[in-house]
Protein backbone atom coordinates (compact mmCIF):
# COMPACT_ATOMS: atom_id res chain seq x y z
CA MET A 1 0.16 -0.04 0.16
CA ALA A 2 1.53 3.42 -1.08
CA LYS A 3 1.97 5.95 1.51
CA LEU A 4 0.86 9.81 1.91
CA ALA A 5 3.29 12.23 2.39
CA LEU A 6 1.88 14.95 4.35
CA TRP A 7 2.87 18.35 3.49
CA LEU A 8 1.96 21.83 4.30
CA VAL A 9 2.10 25.77 3.05
CA CYS A 10 3.23 27.42 5.76
CA ARG A 11 0.59 30.66 6.67
CA SER A 12 3.48 32.67 7.41
CA CYS A 13 5.74 32.77 4.61
CA GLY A 14 3.56 30.81 2.06
CA ARG A 15 6.37 28.48 0.95
CA GLU A 16 5.53 24.82 1.06
CA PHE A 17 7.13 22.04 3.07
CA ASP A 18 7.28 18.72 3.79
CA THR A 19 6.01 17.21 7.58
CA ARG A 20 8.07 14.46 7.34
CA LEU A 21 4.54 12.58 8.31
CA ARG A 22 3.41 9.45 6.34
CA LEU A 23 -0.04 7.85 6.55
CA ASP A 24 -1.40 5.15 4.43
CA ARG A 25 -4.57 6.99 2.56
CA LYS A 26 -7.01 4.94 4.68
CA SER A 27 -5.39 5.78 7.70
CA PHE A 28 -5.72 9.87 6.25
CA GLU A 29 -9.33 9.59 5.50
CA ARG A 30 -10.19 7.95 9.40
CA GLY A 31 -7.61 10.38 10.82
CA THR A 32 -9.20 13.90 13.01
CA LEU A 33 -5.52 15.45 12.77
CA ALA A 34 -6.34 18.19 14.74
CA ALA A 35 -4.39 21.03 15.73
CA ASN A 36 -0.90 19.42 15.05
CA TYR A 37 2.04 21.65 15.54
CA HIS A 38 4.62 22.12 13.02
CA THR A 39 7.72 24.38 12.19
CA CYS A 40 8.16 25.76 9.21
CA PRO A 41 12.00 25.21 7.95
CA TYR A 42 11.87 28.34 6.38
CA CYS A 43 10.98 31.19 8.56
CA GLY A 44 11.01 28.73 11.88
CA GLU A 45 7.39 30.04 12.54
CA ARG A 46 5.68 27.28 14.67
CA LEU A 47 1.54 27.21 14.06
CA THR A 48 -1.16 24.38 14.39
CA TYR A 49 -2.65 23.25 11.45
CA LYS A 50 -6.08 21.45 10.90
CA LYS A 51 -6.53 17.85 8.28
CA ALA A 52 -7.73 20.61 5.62
CA GLU A 53 -4.53 22.63 5.67
CA TYR A 54 -2.90 19.34 4.13
CA LEU A 55 -1.55 18.40 0.89
CA THR A 56 -1.11 14.66 0.08
CA ARG A 57 1.55 13.48 -1.96
CA GLU A 58 1.61 9.49 -2.96
CA ARG A 59 5.21 8.23 -2.59
């Protein structure tokens, strides 16, 4: 089963970054993924993100 790589767009600087989280599609669809903290590797801003904000990429 393919893994999904979860990416985000930083709300501070607008750049996409890899969160390094990997899930299979079924787990992603079932999970809530609410209030997850991530630090942008470009600007250093640490913010919370919701499931709807994740970009998924097949691995």
